[in-house]
PDB file of N, CA and C in Angstrom:
ATOM      1  N   UNK A   1      24.900-112.322 -23.317  1.00  0.00           N
ATOM      2  CA  UNK A   1      25.791-112.204 -22.153  1.00  0.00           C
ATOM      3  C   UNK A   1      27.243-112.224 -22.516  1.00  0.00           C
ATOM      4  N   UNK A   2      27.922-111.256 -22.033  1.00  0.00           N
ATOM      5  CA  UNK A   2      29.446-111.113 -22.277  1.00  0.00           C
ATOM      6  C   UNK A   2      30.169-111.992 -21.379  1.00  0.00           C
ATOM      7  N   UNK A   3      31.183-112.760 -22.013  1.00  0.00           N
ATOM      8  CA  UNK A   3      32.038-113.574 -21.177  1.00  0.00           C
ATOM      9  C   UNK A   3      33.206-112.869 -20.626  1.00  0.00           C
ATOM     10  N   UNK A   4      33.539-113.079 -19.439  1.00  0.00           N
ATOM     11  CA  UNK A   4      34.712-112.514 -18.882  1.00  0.00           C
ATOM     12  C   UNK A   4      36.067-113.211 -19.180  1.00  0.00           C
ATOM     13  N   UNK A   5      37.007-112.612 -19.603  1.00  0.00           N
ATOM     14  CA  UNK A   5      38.267-113.192 -19.896  1.00  0.00           C
ATOM     15  C   UNK A   5      39.192-113.120 -18.607  1.00  0.00           C
ATOM     16  N   UNK A   6      39.719-114.195 -18.219  1.00  0.00           N
ATOM     17  CA  UNK A   6      40.559-114.341 -17.042  1.00  0.00           C
ATOM     18  C   UNK A   6      41.968-114.790 -17.573  1.00  0.00           C
ATOM     19  N   UNK A   7      43.065-114.115 -17.170  1.00  0.00           N
ATOM     20  CA  UNK A   7      44.327-114.545 -17.550  1.00  0.00           C
ATOM     21  C   UNK A   7      45.003-115.094 -16.254  1.00  0.00           C
ATOM     22  N   UNK A   8      45.710-116.253 -16.427  1.00  0.00           N
ATOM     23  CA  UNK A   8      46.399-116.997 -15.429  1.00  0.00           C
ATOM     24  C   UNK A   8      47.882-116.804 -15.531  1.00  0.00           C
ATOM     25  N   UNK A   9      48.605-116.864 -14.458  1.00  0.00           N
ATOM     26  CA  UNK A   9      50.040-116.648 -14.549  1.00  0.00           C
ATOM     27  C   UNK A   9      50.725-118.002 -14.957  1.00  0.00           C
ATOM     28  N   UNK A  10      50.079-119.016 -14.835  1.00  0.00           N
ATOM     29  CA  UNK A  10      50.626-120.246 -15.337  1.00  0.00           C
ATOM     30  C   UNK A  10      49.567-121.309 -15.833  1.00  0.00           C
ATOM     31  N   UNK A  11      49.916-122.254 -16.657  1.00  0.00           N
ATOM     32  CA  UNK A  11      48.986-123.264 -17.207  1.00  0.00           C
ATOM     33  C   UNK A  11      48.427-124.099 -15.981  1.00  0.00           C
ATOM     34  N   UNK A  12      49.193-124.295 -14.993  1.00  0.00           N
ATOM     35  CA  UNK A  12      48.726-125.040 -13.805  1.00  0.00           C
ATOM     36  C   UNK A  12      47.586-124.272 -13.141  1.00  0.00           C
ATOM     37  N   UNK A  13      47.693-122.959 -13.010  1.00  0.00           N
ATOM     38  CA  UNK A  13      46.653-122.207 -12.427  1.00  0.00           C
ATOM     39  C   UNK A  13      45.360-122.263 -13.227  1.00  0.00           C
ATOM     40  N   UNK A  14      45.517-122.207 -14.579  1.00  0.00           N
ATOM     41  CA  UNK A  14      44.358-122.273 -15.546  1.00  0.00           C
ATOM     42  C   UNK A  14      43.743-123.708 -15.382  1.00  0.00           C
ATOM     43  N   UNK A  15      44.611-124.732 -15.336  1.00  0.00           N
ATOM     44  CA  UNK A  15      44.008-126.132 -15.226  1.00  0.00           C
ATOM     45  C   UNK A  15      43.129-126.288 -13.914  1.00  0.00           C
ATOM     46  N   UNK A  16      43.696-125.692 -12.831  1.00  0.00           N
ATOM     47  CA  UNK A  16      42.919-125.811 -11.542  1.00  0.00           C
ATOM     48  C   UNK A  16      41.683-125.025 -11.655  1.00  0.00           C
ATOM     49  N   UNK A  17      41.612-123.806 -12.265  1.00  0.00           N
ATOM     50  CA  UNK A  17      40.397-123.095 -12.367  1.00  0.00           C
ATOM     51  C   UNK A  17      39.355-123.846 -13.209  1.00  0.00           C
ATOM     52  N   UNK A  18      39.871-124.387 -14.363  1.00  0.00           N
ATOM     53  CA  UNK A  18      38.949-125.203 -15.209  1.00  0.00           C
ATOM     54  C   UNK A  18      38.408-126.366 -14.466  1.00  0.00           C
ATOM     55  N   UNK A  19      39.166-127.062 -13.724  1.00  0.00           N
ATOM     56  CA  UNK A  19      38.701-128.286 -13.012  1.00  0.00           C
ATOM     57  C   UNK A  19      37.621-127.753 -12.003  1.00  0.00           C
ATOM     58  N   UNK A  20      37.738-126.730 -11.347  1.00  0.00           N
ATOM     59  CA  UNK A  20      36.742-126.200 -10.460  1.00  0.00           C
ATOM     60  C   UNK A  20      35.441-125.857 -11.177  1.00  0.00           C
ATOM     61  N   UNK A  21      35.699-125.294 -12.337  1.00  0.00           N
ATOM     62  CA  UNK A  21      34.466-124.920 -13.253  1.00  0.00           C
ATOM     63  C   UNK A  21      33.712-126.170 -13.614  1.00  0.00           C
ATOM     64  N   UNK A  22      34.487-127.160 -14.139  1.00  0.00           N
ATOM     65  CA  UNK A  22      33.962-128.488 -14.603  1.00  0.00           C
ATOM     66  C   UNK A  22      33.260-129.184 -13.458  1.00  0.00           C
ATOM     67  N   UNK A  23      33.817-129.062 -12.327  1.00  0.00           N
ATOM     68  CA  UNK A  23      33.171-129.742 -11.063  1.00  0.00           C
ATOM     69  C   UNK A  23      31.848-129.092 -10.821  1.00  0.00           C
ATOM     70  N   UNK A  24      31.745-127.773 -10.913  1.00  0.00           N
ATOM     71  CA  UNK A  24      30.465-127.138 -10.806  1.00  0.00           C
ATOM     72  C   UNK A  24      29.305-127.604 -11.763  1.00  0.00           C
ATOM     73  N   UNK A  25      29.742-127.831 -13.001  1.00  0.00           N
ATOM     74  CA  UNK A  25      28.789-128.429 -13.918  1.00  0.00           C
ATOM     75  C   UNK A  25      28.497-129.889 -13.559  1.00  0.00           C
ATOM     76  N   UNK A  26      29.445-130.586 -13.167  1.00  0.00           N
ATOM     77  CA  UNK A  26      29.266-132.012 -12.706  1.00  0.00           C
ATOM     78  C   UNK A  26      28.172-132.080 -11.579  1.00  0.00           C
ATOM     79  N   UNK A  27      28.370-131.226 -10.657  1.00  0.00           N
ATOM     80  CA  UNK A  27      27.377-131.226  -9.528  1.00  0.00           C
ATOM     81  C   UNK A  27      26.096-130.806  -9.935  1.00  0.00           C
ATOM     82  N   UNK A  28      26.035-129.724 -10.781  1.00  0.00           N
ATOM     83  CA  UNK A  28      24.719-129.215 -11.223  1.00  0.00           C
ATOM     84  C   UNK A  28      23.957-130.146 -12.008  1.00  0.00           C
ATOM     85  N   UNK A  29      24.625-130.994 -12.904  1.00  0.00           N
ATOM     86  CA  UNK A  29      23.909-131.888 -13.832  1.00  0.00           C
ATOM     87  C   UNK A  29      24.145-133.373 -13.538  1.00  0.00           C
ATOM     88  N   UNK A  30      24.828-133.543 -12.351  1.00  0.00           N
ATOM     89  CA  UNK A  30      24.997-134.907 -11.924  1.00  0.00           C
ATOM     90  C   UNK A  30      25.539-135.948 -13.004  1.00  0.00           C
ATOM     91  N   UNK A  31      26.591-135.356 -13.726  1.00  0.00           N
ATOM     92  CA  UNK A  31      27.263-136.097 -14.862  1.00  0.00           C
ATOM     93  C   UNK A  31      28.720-135.731 -14.793  1.00  0.00           C
ATOM     94  N   UNK A  32      29.547-136.755 -14.948  1.00  0.00           N
ATOM     95  CA  UNK A  32      30.975-136.528 -15.151  1.00  0.00           C
ATOM     96  C   UNK A  32      31.184-135.883 -16.411  1.00  0.00           C
ATOM     97  N   UNK A  33      32.211-134.921 -16.436  1.00  0.00           N
ATOM     98  CA  UNK A  33      32.529-134.141 -17.658  1.00  0.00           C
ATOM     99  C   UNK A  33      32.977-135.045 -18.756  1.00  0.00           C
ATOM    100  N   UNK A  34      33.637-136.159 -18.605  1.00  0.00           N
ATOM    101  CA  UNK A  34      34.078-137.004 -19.676  1.00  0.00           C
ATOM    102  C   UNK A  34      32.904-137.671 -20.311  1.00  0.00           C
ATOM    103  N   UNK A  35      31.915-138.103 -19.458  1.00  0.00           N
ATOM    104  CA  UNK A  35      30.659-138.689 -19.968  1.00  0.00           C
ATOM    105  C   UNK A  35      29.841-137.722 -20.690  1.00  0.00           C
ATOM    106  N   UNK A  36      29.730-136.475 -20.211  1.00  0.00           N
ATOM    107  CA  UNK A  36      29.053-135.398 -20.788  1.00  0.00           C
ATOM    108  C   UNK A  36      29.607-135.185 -22.133  1.00  0.00           C
ATOM    109  N   UNK A  37      30.906-135.054 -22.204  1.00  0.00           N
ATOM    110  CA  UNK A  37      31.510-134.705 -23.405  1.00  0.00           C
ATOM    111  C   UNK A  37      31.283-135.770 -24.607  1.00  0.00           C
ATOM    112  N   UNK A  38      31.313-137.014 -24.203  1.00  0.00           N
ATOM    113  CA  UNK A  38      30.948-138.169 -25.196  1.00  0.00           C
ATOM    114  C   UNK A  38      29.586-137.874 -25.706  1.00  0.00           C
ATOM    115  N   UNK A  39      28.676-137.640 -24.859  1.00  0.00           N
ATOM    116  CA  UNK A  39      27.243-137.349 -25.278  1.00  0.00           C
ATOM    117  C   UNK A  39      27.162-136.024 -26.173  1.00  0.00           C
ATOM    118  N   UNK A  40      27.934-135.103 -25.825  1.00  0.00           N
ATOM    119  CA  UNK A  40      27.967-133.876 -26.600  1.00  0.00           C
ATOM    120  C   UNK A  40      28.534-134.057 -27.987  1.00  0.00           C
ATOM    121  N   UNK A  41      29.624-134.870 -28.114  1.00  0.00           N
ATOM    122  CA  UNK A  41      30.202-135.177 -29.309  1.00  0.00           C
ATOM    123  C   UNK A  41      29.253-136.030 -30.305  1.00  0.00           C
ATOM    124  N   UNK A  42      28.422-136.857 -29.628  1.00  0.00           N
ATOM    125  CA  UNK A  42      27.498-137.605 -30.289  1.00  0.00           C
ATOM    126  C   UNK A  42      26.199-136.932 -30.684  1.00  0.00           C
ATOM    127  N   UNK A  43      26.065-135.670 -30.251  1.00  0.00           N
ATOM    128  CA  UNK A  43      24.931-134.805 -30.617  1.00  0.00           C
ATOM    129  C   UNK A  43      23.763-135.099 -29.661  1.00  0.00           C
ATOM    130  N   UNK A  44      24.006-135.695 -28.536  1.00  0.00           N
ATOM    131  CA  UNK A  44      22.984-135.982 -27.617  1.00  0.00           C
ATOM    132  C   UNK A  44      22.627-135.056 -26.591  1.00  0.00           C
ATOM    133  N   UNK A  45      23.170-133.843 -26.740  1.00  0.00           N
ATOM    134  CA  UNK A  45      22.922-132.762 -25.718  1.00  0.00           C
ATOM    135  C   UNK A  45      22.213-131.530 -26.385  1.00  0.00           C
ATOM    136  N   UNK A  46      21.861-130.685 -25.684  1.00  0.00           N
ATOM    137  CA  UNK A  46      21.236-129.410 -26.226  1.00  0.00           C
ATOM    138  C   UNK A  46      22.288-128.439 -26.714  1.00  0.00           C
ATOM    139  N   UNK A  47      21.946-127.193 -27.054  1.00  0.00           N
ATOM    140  CA  UNK A  47      22.963-126.311 -27.332  1.00  0.00           C
ATOM    141  C   UNK A  47      22.803-124.970 -26.573  1.00  0.00           C
ATOM    142  N   UNK A  48      22.364-125.176 -25.376  1.00  0.00           N
ATOM    143  CA  UNK A  48      22.202-123.975 -24.417  1.00  0.00           C
ATOM    144  C   UNK A  48      23.525-123.517 -23.996  1.00  0.00           C
ATOM    145  N   UNK A  49      23.625-122.332 -23.452  1.00  0.00           N
ATOM    146  CA  UNK A  49      24.781-121.699 -22.966  1.00  0.00           C
ATOM    147  C   UNK A  49      25.662-122.573 -22.071  1.00  0.00           C
ATOM    148  N   UNK A  50      25.028-123.216 -21.139  1.00  0.00           N
ATOM    149  CA  UNK A  50      25.793-124.072 -20.222  1.00  0.00           C
ATOM    150  C   UNK A  50      26.464-125.255 -20.999  1.00  0.00           C
ATOM    151  N   UNK A  51      25.673-125.803 -21.841  1.00  0.00           N
ATOM    152  CA  UNK A  51      26.220-126.912 -22.674  1.00  0.00           C
ATOM    153  C   UNK A  51      27.473-126.582 -23.461  1.00  0.00           C
ATOM    154  N   UNK A  52      27.281-125.453 -24.052  1.00  0.00           N
ATOM    155  CA  UNK A  52      28.432-124.917 -24.985  1.00  0.00           C
ATOM    156  C   UNK A  52      29.562-124.650 -24.213  1.00  0.00           C
ATOM    157  N   UNK A  53      29.315-123.885 -23.005  1.00  0.00           N
ATOM    158  CA  UNK A  53      30.425-123.457 -22.190  1.00  0.00           C
ATOM    159  C   UNK A  53      31.160-124.660 -21.586  1.00  0.00           C
ATOM    160  N   UNK A  54      30.363-125.647 -21.124  1.00  0.00           N
ATOM    161  CA  UNK A  54      30.927-126.818 -20.475  1.00  0.00           C
ATOM    162  C   UNK A  54      31.749-127.615 -21.541  1.00  0.00           C
ATOM    163  N   UNK A  55      31.280-127.760 -22.732  1.00  0.00           N
ATOM    164  CA  UNK A  55      32.020-128.439 -23.743  1.00  0.00           C
ATOM    165  C   UNK A  55      33.389-127.710 -24.053  1.00  0.00           C
ATOM    166  N   UNK A  56      33.322-126.280 -24.192  1.00  0.00           N
ATOM    167  CA  UNK A  56      34.387-125.521 -24.444  1.00  0.00           C
ATOM    168  C   UNK A  56      35.405-125.682 -23.388  1.00  0.00           C
ATOM    169  N   UNK A  57      35.001-125.565 -22.117  1.00  0.00           N
ATOM    170  CA  UNK A  57      35.824-125.685 -20.933  1.00  0.00           C
ATOM    171  C   UNK A  57      36.520-126.992 -20.887  1.00  0.00           C
ATOM    172  N   UNK A  58      35.857-128.027 -21.182  1.00  0.00           N
ATOM    173  CA  UNK A  58      36.312-129.469 -21.144  1.00  0.00           C
ATOM    174  C   UNK A  58      37.437-129.572 -22.140  1.00  0.00           C
ATOM    175  N   UNK A  59      37.209-129.073 -23.388  1.00  0.00           N
ATOM    176  CA  UNK A  59      38.177-129.125 -24.442  1.00  0.00           C
ATOM    177  C   UNK A  59      39.543-128.438 -23.968  1.00  0.00           C
ATOM    178  N   UNK A  60      39.267-127.193 -23.386  1.00  0.00           N
ATOM    179  CA  UNK A  60      40.455-126.458 -22.943  1.00  0.00           C
ATOM    180  C   UNK A  60      41.191-127.125 -21.733  1.00  0.00           C
ATOM    181  N   UNK A  61      40.425-127.830 -20.857  1.00  0.00           N
ATOM    182  CA  UNK A  61      40.999-128.607 -19.777  1.00  0.00           C
ATOM    183  C   UNK A  61      41.857-129.765 -20.377  1.00  0.00           C
ATOM    184  N   UNK A  62      41.314-130.429 -21.390  1.00  0.00           N
ATOM    185  CA  UNK A  62      41.962-131.541 -21.904  1.00  0.00           C
ATOM    186  C   UNK A  62      43.344-131.075 -22.613  1.00  0.00           C
ATOM    187  N   UNK A  63      43.289-130.022 -23.378  1.00  0.00           N
ATOM    188  CA  UNK A  63      44.516-129.461 -24.076  1.00  0.00           C
ATOM    189  C   UNK A  63      45.540-128.938 -22.928  1.00  0.00           C
ATOM    190  N   UNK A  64      44.996-128.250 -21.976  1.00  0.00           N
ATOM    191  CA  UNK A  64      46.068-127.915 -20.982  1.00  0.00           C
ATOM    192  C   UNK A  64      46.682-129.103 -20.171  1.00  0.00           C
ATOM    193  N   UNK A  65      45.841-130.042 -19.907  1.00  0.00           N
ATOM    194  CA  UNK A  65      46.313-131.226 -19.225  1.00  0.00           C
ATOM    195  C   UNK A  65      47.353-131.948 -20.043  1.00  0.00           C
ATOM    196  N   UNK A  66      47.038-132.052 -21.396  1.00  0.00           N
ATOM    197  CA  UNK A  66      48.020-132.764 -22.242  1.00  0.00           C
ATOM    198  C   UNK A  66      49.349-131.933 -22.355  1.00  0.00           C
ATOM    199  N   UNK A  67      49.264-130.589 -22.391  1.00  0.00           N
ATOM    200  CA  UNK A  67      50.416-129.762 -22.497  1.00  0.00           C
ATOM    201  C   UNK A  67      51.271-129.950 -21.255  1.00  0.00           C
ATOM    202  N   UNK A  68      50.670-129.948 -20.045  1.00  0.00           N
ATOM    203  CA  UNK A  68      51.439-130.072 -18.742  1.00  0.00           C
ATOM    204  C   UNK A  68      52.072-131.413 -18.671  1.00  0.00           C
ATOM    205  N   UNK A  69      51.237-132.518 -19.096  1.00  0.00           N
ATOM    206  CA  UNK A  69      51.729-133.850 -18.993  1.00  0.00           C
ATOM    207  C   UNK A  69      53.045-133.983 -19.910  1.00  0.00           C
ATOM    208  N   UNK A  70      52.898-133.412 -21.153  1.00  0.00           N
ATOM    209  CA  UNK A  70      54.051-133.440 -22.092  1.00  0.00           C
ATOM    210  C   UNK A  70      55.231-132.761 -21.452  1.00  0.00           C
ATOM    211  N   UNK A  71      55.066-131.585 -20.860  1.00  0.00           N
ATOM    212  CA  UNK A  71      56.228-130.901 -20.250  1.00  0.00           C
ATOM    213  C   UNK A  71      56.780-131.766 -19.077  1.00  0.00           C
ATOM    214  N   UNK A  72      55.917-132.387 -18.367  1.00  0.00           N
ATOM    215  CA  UNK A  72      56.456-133.223 -17.201  1.00  0.00           C
ATOM    216  C   UNK A  72      57.329-134.366 -17.760  1.00  0.00           C
ATOM    217  N   UNK A  73      56.906-134.972 -18.797  1.00  0.00           N
ATOM    218  CA  UNK A  73      57.469-136.077 -19.438  1.00  0.00           C
ATOM    219  C   UNK A  73      58.859-135.744 -19.949  1.00  0.00           C
ATOM    220  N   UNK A  74      58.981-134.470 -20.402  1.00  0.00           N
ATOM    221  CA  UNK A  74      60.259-133.966 -20.890  1.00  0.00           C
ATOM    222  C   UNK A  74      61.194-133.638 -19.827  1.00  0.00           C
ATOM    223  N   UNK A  75      60.742-133.418 -18.642  1.00  0.00           N
ATOM    224  CA  UNK A  75      61.595-132.946 -17.478  1.00  0.00           C
ATOM    225  C   UNK A  75      62.216-134.325 -16.946  1.00  0.00           C
ATOM    226  N   UNK A  76      61.349-135.279 -16.865  1.00  0.00           N
ATOM    227  CA  UNK A  76      61.692-136.535 -16.100  1.00  0.00           C
ATOM    228  C   UNK A  76      62.793-137.372 -16.819  1.00  0.00           C
TER     229      UNK A  76
END
């Protein structure tokens, strides 16, 4: 299955979109993304498409959040 690439006009828009995507996985699997990611890093999850996409999206979410927090600290 081909993945669709979406471009956002700002990192904040991308962060919001990722948060919505992560929330969908959290509802579907009844697990918080942070808890899932710990289990994923420990090798306690499968390697199906949802798992890999969820882990990738969470990594991206963390990186964007860190980038935005850093920018906000530099402004204040």
